[in-house]
Amino acid sequence: MAEPFPVARIPAASQRIAARLIERGHAAWFVGGAVRDVLFERLHGRAPRRTGDFDIATSALPEEVRRLFPRTVPVGIEHGTVAVLDESGVPHEVTTFRRDVKTDGRHAVVEFGVSLEDDLARRDFTVNAIAVHPASGELRDPFAGLRDIASRRLAAVGEPAQRFLEDRLRVLRALRFAAALELDIEPGTWDALVAAVSDLEHLSRERVREEWRKTLESARPSVGVALWRRSGALAAVWPELAPLDDLERLDRFDDHVLVTAAALAWSGASRAAAEAALRRLRFSNAEVERVGAAVEGVRGRGPGSGDPAAVRRWMSATGPAVDDVLAIWEAAGSAAGLRAAVEAVRASGGPLTLRDLAISGDDLIAAGIPAGPQLGELLRRLLDEVLADPSRNNRAWLLRRAAELR
């Protein structure tokens, strides 16, 4: 018999919700990623970087859950899920025991009134099909998920092809779990996964993007990217990354946006191609701009030396992408000494942008220089002179020089 789950690891607010369900005569069990991750830590001495939630599975119907708790949100009530808000307003997912009646590969029609074992049988992988009793810590593990955690094995619950047919997103979830937990995907599950890759085109781009993000948040992003490539998912989702090699360089970053930028830059993507790929996967406008600027900076020329004027000009031209470009160059083993030069420029406090100039366009207009495109060009010329010699950044010198250049 398996050692009881350490219920002290479960947040008190979650325990109170489960206890209330039990007091009212309903079954309640903890399920979800946090159960898996605590068991993984107990067996292997460390937890994944990103830990899941302690969700509650219950025999109570959704309307009964809503009557029992004063504050709830019907986040997925058609599938039996109600978010119960605790005293601090934090949501805890409570889902009625269910089984699938039919599915279109992403959304299922479910039936309530089933057992815990039926509910666990509809889950994706054995390591995620383990339930914990709130009071005793008793484990319900009908599909030997604990054994698979111990042996670092990822296996589908039941028939693998059926599991992926029910929900195509499970293809990418499998790759993420295998990377984050350092699990080997068992052969039958792997074969079914590869066969299902062609169906990824039917998934919403937002869901694909989120699985990519979560995969890159593992301790070693290169492992996840390698699995995406070997399974065919990378070619299906990120054809721009086909030329990518030396994946281990990706492990030098801990920011999924920066990993994505580095992967695109090292694959030879242009700024336009990188930005188009991110828009296709519904990245935010800020992320699109950040990755595009980084890719453009990496593909461009560096300052060529540690000369402060050259470094200032490069930093001015590169803008907010300076640190991302530096990080990508450093991960590739180039730009030796450039970071120290950049930090020296920053420490000096010298001007790098038009906003840093001691005068503005209004000052030039007041000095008799007409507004128009030539005004902007004049400001840029003044900035270039200040980048060469920061001591020139004073109002009197700039106004005098503007008069000479107009």
Protein backbone atom coordinates (compact mmCIF):
# COMPACT_ATOMS: atom_id res chain seq x y z
CA MET A 1 0.00 0.00 0.00
CA ALA A 2 1.36 3.42 -0.98
CA GLU A 3 2.52 5.79 1.74
CA PRO A 4 -0.17 8.42 2.45
CA PHE A 5 0.10 11.78 0.74
CA PRO A 6 1.52 14.58 2.95
CA VAL A 7 -1.72 16.55 3.35
CA ALA A 8 0.18 19.29 5.18
CA ARG A 9 1.46 20.31 1.74
CA ILE A 10 -2.08 21.20 0.66
CA PRO A 11 -3.00 24.89 1.20
CA ALA A 12 -5.35 25.46 4.13
CA ALA A 13 -7.92 27.25 1.96
CA SER A 14 -8.12 24.23 -0.37
CA GLN A 15 -8.51 21.91 2.62
CA ARG A 16 -11.39 23.99 4.00
CA ILE A 17 -13.26 23.80 0.70
CA ALA A 18 -12.84 20.02 0.51
CA ALA A 19 -13.85 19.63 4.18
CA ARG A 20 -17.09 21.54 3.61
CA LEU A 21 -17.99 19.31 0.68
CA ILE A 22 -17.40 16.21 2.80
CA GLU A 23 -19.39 17.65 5.74
CA ARG A 24 -22.37 18.03 3.41
CA GLY A 25 -22.20 14.38 2.40
CA HIS A 26 -20.27 14.66 -0.86
CA ALA A 27 -17.12 12.85 -1.88
CA ALA A 28 -14.13 15.15 -2.43
CA TRP A 29 -10.62 14.31 -3.59
CA PHE A 30 -7.63 16.40 -4.52
CA VAL A 31 -6.39 15.91 -8.07
CA GLY A 32 -4.28 17.82 -10.54
CA GLY A 33 -0.72 18.87 -11.21
CA ALA A 34 0.15 19.68 -7.61
CA VAL A 35 -0.61 16.11 -6.51
CA ARG A 36 1.71 14.82 -9.21
CA ASP A 37 4.43 17.34 -8.41
CA VAL A 38 4.48 16.67 -4.66
CA LEU A 39 4.73 12.94 -5.33
CA PHE A 40 7.50 13.59 -7.83
CA GLU A 41 9.39 15.63 -5.25
CA ARG A 42 8.96 12.91 -2.62
CA LEU A 43 10.34 10.25 -4.96
CA HIS A 44 13.07 12.23 -6.69
CA GLY A 45 14.05 14.92 -4.22
CA ARG A 46 13.08 17.94 -6.27
CA ALA A 47 9.97 19.57 -7.64
CA PRO A 48 9.46 20.84 -11.20
CA ARG A 49 10.11 24.54 -11.73
CA ARG A 50 6.41 25.18 -12.31
CA THR A 51 4.02 23.50 -9.87
CA GLY A 52 0.38 22.84 -10.68
CA ASP A 53 -2.75 23.49 -8.64
CA PHE A 54 -4.57 21.40 -6.05
CA ASP A 55 -7.90 20.98 -7.84
CA ILE A 56 -10.86 19.24 -6.21
CA ALA A 57 -12.92 16.48 -7.81
CA THR A 58 -16.28 15.88 -6.15
CA SER A 59 -19.51 13.94 -6.39
CA ALA A 60 -21.43 17.22 -5.84
CA LEU A 61 -23.14 18.58 -8.93
CA PRO A 62 -22.16 22.09 -10.07
CA GLU A 63 -25.36 23.68 -8.77
CA GLU A 64 -24.77 22.01 -5.37
CA VAL A 65 -21.26 23.43 -5.24
CA ARG A 66 -22.59 26.90 -5.97
CA ARG A 67 -25.17 26.61 -3.18
CA LEU A 68 -22.53 25.49 -0.67
CA PHE A 69 -20.14 28.41 -1.12
CA PRO A 70 -20.94 32.12 -0.99
CA ARG A 71 -18.63 33.19 -3.80
CA THR A 72 -18.26 31.11 -6.95
CA VAL A 73 -17.58 31.64 -10.64
CA PRO A 74 -18.98 29.20 -13.24
CA VAL A 75 -15.72 29.00 -15.19
CA GLY A 76 -16.65 25.80 -17.03
CA ILE A 77 -19.97 24.79 -15.60
CA GLU A 78 -21.04 22.85 -18.70
CA HIS A 79 -18.07 20.58 -17.98
CA GLY A 80 -18.73 20.53 -14.25
CA THR A 81 -16.14 23.09 -13.15
CA VAL A 82 -16.89 25.85 -10.66
CA ALA A 83 -14.26 28.19 -9.23
CA VAL A 84 -14.77 28.63 -5.50
CA LEU A 85 -13.27 31.86 -4.20
CA ASP A 86 -11.62 31.62 -0.79
CA GLU A 87 -11.45 34.33 1.85
CA SER A 88 -8.75 36.14 -0.09
CA GLY A 89 -10.58 35.91 -3.40
CA VAL A 90 -8.24 33.22 -4.74
CA PRO A 91 -10.09 30.76 -7.04
CA HIS A 92 -10.00 26.99 -6.44
CA GLU A 93 -11.33 24.73 -9.16
CA VAL A 94 -13.99 22.25 -8.02
CA THR A 95 -15.15 19.81 -10.70
CA THR A 96 -17.90 17.21 -10.58
CA PHE A 97 -16.92 13.60 -11.27
CA ARG A 98 -17.55 13.14 -15.01
CA ARG A 99 -16.92 11.05 -18.05
CA ASP A 100 -16.88 12.00 -21.71
CA VAL A 101 -19.90 11.16 -23.81
CA LYS A 102 -18.46 12.55 -27.04
CA THR A 103 -15.68 14.91 -28.08
CA ASP A 104 -14.61 16.85 -31.17
CA GLY A 105 -10.90 16.64 -30.33
CA ARG A 106 -10.87 19.65 -28.06
CA HIS A 107 -14.29 20.10 -26.41
CA ALA A 108 -16.16 17.26 -24.74
CA VAL A 109 -19.77 16.64 -23.83
CA VAL A 110 -19.67 15.14 -20.35
CA GLU A 111 -21.95 13.09 -18.10
CA PHE A 112 -22.09 13.56 -14.33
CA GLY A 113 -23.09 11.08 -11.65
CA VAL A 114 -20.11 8.76 -12.11
CA SER A 115 -17.47 7.44 -9.71
CA LEU A 116 -14.03 8.80 -8.88
CA GLU A 117 -12.52 5.92 -10.84
CA ASP A 118 -14.58 6.86 -13.90
CA ASP A 119 -13.41 10.43 -13.53
CA LEU A 120 -9.75 9.40 -13.31
CA ALA A 121 -10.20 7.15 -16.35
CA ARG A 122 -10.92 10.17 -18.58
CA ARG A 123 -7.66 11.90 -17.70
CA ASP A 124 -4.72 12.15 -20.04
CA PHE A 125 -1.70 10.45 -18.44
CA THR A 126 -1.27 8.06 -15.55
CA VAL A 127 0.86 10.53 -13.59
CA ASN A 128 -2.10 12.93 -13.67
CA ALA A 129 -4.69 10.30 -12.74
CA ILE A 130 -3.92 10.11 -9.01
CA ALA A 131 -6.35 11.35 -6.35
CA VAL A 132 -5.71 12.22 -2.69
CA HIS A 133 -8.27 12.05 0.12
CA PRO A 134 -8.29 15.40 1.98
CA ALA A 135 -8.41 13.92 5.49
CA SER A 136 -6.35 10.74 5.40
CA GLY A 137 -3.97 11.39 2.50
CA GLU A 138 -5.08 8.06 1.00
CA LEU A 139 -4.04 7.72 -2.63
CA ARG A 140 -6.37 6.44 -5.32
CA ASP A 141 -4.15 5.36 -8.19
CA PRO A 142 -6.05 2.95 -10.46
CA PHE A 143 -3.66 3.40 -13.39
CA ALA A 144 -0.33 3.02 -11.55
CA GLY A 145 0.64 6.67 -11.94
CA LEU A 146 2.83 6.50 -8.83
CA ARG A 147 4.80 3.65 -10.37
CA ASP A 148 5.29 5.72 -13.53
CA ILE A 149 6.43 8.75 -11.52
CA ALA A 150 8.96 6.52 -9.74
CA SER A 151 10.27 5.14 -13.04
CA ARG A 152 10.10 8.52 -14.81
CA ARG A 153 7.68 7.20 -17.40
CA LEU A 154 4.90 9.09 -19.19
CA ALA A 155 2.08 6.82 -20.34
CA ALA A 156 -1.44 7.54 -21.50
CA VAL A 157 -4.39 6.38 -19.44
CA GLY A 158 -5.88 3.48 -21.36
CA GLU A 159 -5.57 3.50 -25.15
CA PRO A 160 -3.11 6.25 -26.20
CA ALA A 161 -4.63 6.92 -29.64
CA GLN A 162 -8.04 7.42 -28.03
CA ARG A 163 -6.64 9.85 -25.48
CA PHE A 164 -5.13 12.04 -28.21
CA LEU A 165 -8.25 11.76 -30.33
CA GLU A 166 -10.32 13.06 -27.42
CA ASP A 167 -8.13 16.12 -26.98
CA ARG A 168 -5.45 17.11 -29.49
CA LEU A 169 -3.82 19.46 -27.00
CA ARG A 170 -2.62 16.39 -25.12
CA VAL A 171 0.08 15.99 -27.77
CA LEU A 172 1.76 19.19 -26.61
CA ARG A 173 0.96 18.56 -22.95
CA ALA A 174 2.77 15.23 -23.19
CA LEU A 175 5.86 16.91 -24.62
CA ARG A 176 5.74 19.54 -21.87
CA PHE A 177 5.37 17.03 -19.04
CA ALA A 178 8.15 14.87 -20.45
CA ALA A 179 10.49 17.88 -20.62
CA ALA A 180 9.59 19.44 -17.27
CA LEU A 181 9.66 16.19 -15.31
CA GLU A 182 12.40 14.48 -17.33
CA LEU A 183 10.13 11.56 -18.19
CA ASP A 184 10.53 9.03 -20.98
CA ILE A 185 7.40 8.75 -23.11
CA GLU A 186 6.52 5.05 -23.33
CA PRO A 187 6.62 3.67 -26.91
CA GLY A 188 2.89 3.17 -27.46
CA THR A 189 2.11 6.67 -26.19
CA TRP A 190 4.91 8.13 -28.31
CA ASP A 191 3.72 6.42 -31.50
CA ALA A 192 0.16 7.64 -30.95
CA LEU A 193 1.44 11.13 -30.18
CA VAL A 194 3.46 11.32 -33.41
CA ALA A 195 0.47 10.09 -35.39
CA ALA A 196 -1.69 12.84 -33.87
CA VAL A 197 0.71 15.72 -34.65
CA SER A 198 -1.01 16.36 -37.97
CA ASP A 199 -4.17 17.31 -36.05
CA LEU A 200 -2.48 20.22 -34.25
CA GLU A 201 -3.70 22.57 -36.98
CA HIS A 202 -7.19 22.23 -35.51
CA LEU A 203 -6.14 23.70 -32.15
CA SER A 204 -6.55 27.36 -31.30
CA ARG A 205 -3.30 29.23 -31.75
CA GLU A 206 -3.60 30.63 -28.25
CA ARG A 207 -3.59 27.16 -26.70
CA VAL A 208 -0.58 26.13 -28.79
CA ARG A 209 1.25 29.30 -27.74
CA GLU A 210 0.58 28.58 -24.07
CA GLU A 211 1.94 25.04 -24.33
CA TRP A 212 5.05 26.40 -26.04
CA ARG A 213 5.46 28.93 -23.24
CA LYS A 214 5.05 26.32 -20.52
CA THR A 215 7.49 23.99 -22.27
CA LEU A 216 10.13 26.71 -22.34
CA GLU A 217 9.61 27.41 -18.63
CA SER A 218 11.10 24.04 -17.71
CA ALA A 219 14.60 23.89 -16.24
CA ARG A 220 16.05 22.88 -19.62
CA PRO A 221 14.10 24.37 -22.55
CA SER A 222 16.32 22.48 -25.01
CA VAL A 223 14.81 19.16 -23.90
CA GLY A 224 11.29 20.33 -24.71
CA VAL A 225 12.29 21.87 -28.04
CA ALA A 226 14.10 18.64 -28.97
CA LEU A 227 10.92 16.67 -28.23
CA TRP A 228 8.84 19.08 -30.29
CA ARG A 229 11.30 18.56 -33.16
CA ARG A 230 11.50 14.77 -32.88
CA SER A 231 7.74 14.40 -32.74
CA GLY A 232 7.13 16.66 -35.75
CA ALA A 233 5.32 19.29 -33.67
CA LEU A 234 8.06 21.88 -34.30
CA ALA A 235 7.69 21.59 -38.08
CA ALA A 236 3.91 21.81 -37.73
CA VAL A 237 3.87 24.84 -35.44
CA TRP A 238 7.22 26.62 -35.97
CA PRO A 239 8.48 25.88 -39.51
CA GLU A 240 10.70 28.95 -39.13
CA LEU A 241 12.80 27.00 -36.62
CA ALA A 242 13.72 24.16 -39.01
CA PRO A 243 17.39 25.26 -39.31
CA LEU A 244 17.84 25.54 -35.52
CA ASP A 245 20.79 23.55 -34.17
CA ASP A 246 22.84 23.38 -30.95
CA LEU A 247 19.69 23.40 -28.86
CA GLU A 248 21.58 23.36 -25.56
CA ARG A 249 22.31 27.07 -25.99
CA LEU A 250 18.62 27.65 -25.24
CA ASP A 251 19.19 26.49 -21.65
CA ARG A 252 21.11 29.68 -20.92
CA PHE A 253 17.87 31.67 -20.75
CA ASP A 254 15.07 31.60 -18.19
CA ASP A 255 12.60 33.77 -20.12
CA HIS A 256 10.34 32.07 -22.68
CA VAL A 257 10.17 35.19 -24.86
CA LEU A 258 13.96 35.44 -24.97
CA VAL A 259 14.26 31.71 -25.77
CA THR A 260 11.85 32.22 -28.66
CA ALA A 261 13.79 35.24 -29.90
CA ALA A 262 17.09 33.37 -29.72
CA ALA A 263 15.66 30.33 -31.51
CA LEU A 264 14.33 32.49 -34.34
CA ALA A 265 17.55 34.51 -34.59
CA TRP A 266 19.74 31.40 -34.67
CA SER A 267 17.45 29.90 -37.31
CA GLY A 268 18.17 32.87 -39.57
CA ALA A 269 14.68 34.35 -39.48
CA SER A 270 14.32 37.97 -40.50
CA ARG A 271 12.55 40.46 -38.27
CA ALA A 272 9.51 40.36 -40.55
CA ALA A 273 9.39 36.55 -40.51
CA ALA A 274 9.84 36.39 -36.73
CA GLU A 275 7.08 38.90 -36.11
CA ALA A 276 4.75 37.15 -38.54
CA ALA A 277 5.33 33.82 -36.74
CA LEU A 278 4.52 35.35 -33.37
CA ARG A 279 1.38 37.00 -34.68
CA ARG A 280 0.30 33.66 -36.13
CA LEU A 281 0.51 32.19 -32.63
CA ARG A 282 -1.28 35.15 -31.06
CA PHE A 283 1.61 36.51 -29.01
CA SER A 284 0.94 39.93 -27.50
CA ASN A 285 1.93 43.06 -29.41
CA ALA A 286 4.60 43.78 -26.81
CA GLU A 287 6.09 40.29 -27.24
CA VAL A 288 6.02 40.61 -31.04
CA GLU A 289 7.87 43.93 -30.84
CA ARG A 290 10.39 42.61 -28.33
CA VAL A 291 11.23 39.49 -30.34
CA GLY A 292 11.35 41.40 -33.62
CA ALA A 293 13.73 43.99 -32.20
CA ALA A 294 15.96 41.30 -30.69
CA VAL A 295 16.12 39.32 -33.94
CA GLU A 296 16.95 42.46 -35.90
CA GLY A 297 19.64 43.38 -33.37
CA VAL A 298 21.25 39.94 -33.43
CA ARG A 299 21.32 39.95 -37.24
CA GLY A 300 22.86 43.43 -37.29
CA ARG A 301 26.39 44.59 -36.64
CA GLY A 302 27.76 45.17 -33.16
CA PRO A 303 29.89 48.16 -32.20
CA GLY A 304 32.99 46.39 -33.45
CA SER A 305 35.10 47.45 -30.49
CA GLY A 306 34.87 48.67 -26.94
CA ASP A 307 35.26 52.28 -28.04
CA PRO A 308 32.73 54.18 -25.89
CA ALA A 309 31.42 56.28 -28.81
CA ALA A 310 30.86 53.18 -30.94
CA VAL A 311 29.16 51.41 -28.04
CA ARG A 312 26.91 54.43 -27.42
CA ARG A 313 25.91 54.58 -31.09
CA TRP A 314 25.16 50.85 -31.12
CA MET A 315 23.10 51.10 -27.94
CA SER A 316 21.20 54.07 -29.31
CA ALA A 317 20.39 52.25 -32.55
CA THR A 318 19.44 49.00 -30.78
CA GLY A 319 17.21 50.69 -28.22
CA PRO A 320 15.35 48.60 -25.60
CA ALA A 321 16.60 45.37 -27.23
CA VAL A 322 20.18 45.89 -26.01
CA ASP A 323 20.01 43.39 -23.13
CA ASP A 324 18.20 40.75 -25.19
CA VAL A 325 20.70 41.04 -28.04
CA LEU A 326 23.61 40.89 -25.61
CA ALA A 327 22.17 37.78 -23.94
CA ILE A 328 21.71 36.01 -27.28
CA TRP A 329 25.19 36.91 -28.47
CA GLU A 330 26.70 35.78 -25.18
CA ALA A 331 24.84 32.45 -25.33
CA ALA A 332 26.35 31.94 -28.78
CA GLY A 333 29.83 32.70 -27.43
CA SER A 334 30.27 36.06 -29.14
CA ALA A 335 30.36 39.71 -28.02
CA ALA A 336 33.14 39.10 -25.53
CA GLY A 337 33.65 42.17 -23.34
CA LEU A 338 30.68 44.04 -24.80
CA ARG A 339 28.56 43.77 -21.67
CA ALA A 340 31.22 45.50 -19.58
CA ALA A 341 31.39 48.28 -22.16
CA VAL A 342 27.60 48.62 -22.13
CA GLU A 343 27.50 48.78 -18.35
CA ALA A 344 30.24 51.41 -18.37
CA VAL A 345 28.18 53.56 -20.75
CA ARG A 346 25.12 53.15 -18.54
CA ALA A 347 27.08 54.04 -15.44
CA SER A 348 28.28 57.23 -17.09
CA GLY A 349 24.68 58.36 -17.55
CA GLY A 350 25.36 59.69 -21.04
CA PRO A 351 22.46 60.40 -23.46
CA LEU A 352 21.35 57.64 -25.80
CA THR A 353 18.00 58.79 -27.18
CA LEU A 354 16.39 61.96 -28.49
CA ARG A 355 14.58 62.27 -25.18
CA ASP A 356 17.94 62.48 -23.43
CA LEU A 357 19.02 65.60 -25.34
CA ALA A 358 19.23 68.82 -23.35
CA ILE A 359 16.98 70.51 -25.91
CA SER A 360 13.75 69.51 -27.64
CA GLY A 361 12.02 70.27 -30.89
CA ASP A 362 10.15 73.08 -29.17
CA ASP A 363 13.46 74.68 -28.22
CA LEU A 364 14.59 74.60 -31.85
CA ILE A 365 11.33 76.11 -33.04
CA ALA A 366 11.65 78.86 -30.45
CA ALA A 367 15.15 79.50 -31.85
CA GLY A 368 13.64 80.12 -35.28
CA ILE A 369 14.02 76.70 -36.91
CA PRO A 370 10.78 75.84 -38.75
CA ALA A 371 8.79 72.73 -37.86
CA GLY A 372 8.77 69.85 -40.34
CA PRO A 373 10.77 66.79 -41.35
CA GLN A 374 14.00 68.80 -41.29
CA LEU A 375 13.50 69.45 -37.59
CA GLY A 376 13.54 65.75 -36.79
CA GLU A 377 16.58 65.21 -38.97
CA LEU A 378 18.39 68.03 -37.19
CA LEU A 379 17.65 66.49 -33.78
CA ARG A 380 19.02 63.16 -34.98
CA ARG A 381 22.22 64.86 -36.18
CA LEU A 382 22.60 66.56 -32.82
CA LEU A 383 22.13 63.25 -31.04
CA ASP A 384 24.85 61.69 -33.19
CA GLU A 385 27.26 64.43 -32.17
CA VAL A 386 26.36 63.97 -28.51
CA LEU A 387 26.86 60.21 -28.83
CA ALA A 388 30.38 60.96 -30.03
CA ASP A 389 31.01 63.29 -27.10
CA PRO A 390 28.46 63.34 -24.24
CA SER A 391 29.93 66.58 -22.86
CA ARG A 392 28.24 68.38 -25.77
CA ASN A 393 24.83 67.65 -24.27
CA ASN A 394 24.17 71.11 -22.94
CA ARG A 395 21.60 73.62 -24.11
CA ALA A 396 23.97 76.35 -25.23
CA TRP A 397 26.22 74.08 -27.29
CA LEU A 398 23.28 72.30 -28.93
CA LEU A 399 21.51 75.53 -29.90
CA ARG A 400 24.72 76.93 -31.34
CA ARG A 401 25.42 73.72 -33.26
CA ALA A 402 21.82 73.58 -34.53
CA ALA A 403 22.24 77.06 -35.98
CA GLU A 404 25.38 75.88 -37.79
CA LEU A 405 23.72 72.75 -39.20
CA ARG A 406 20.37 74.17 -40.34
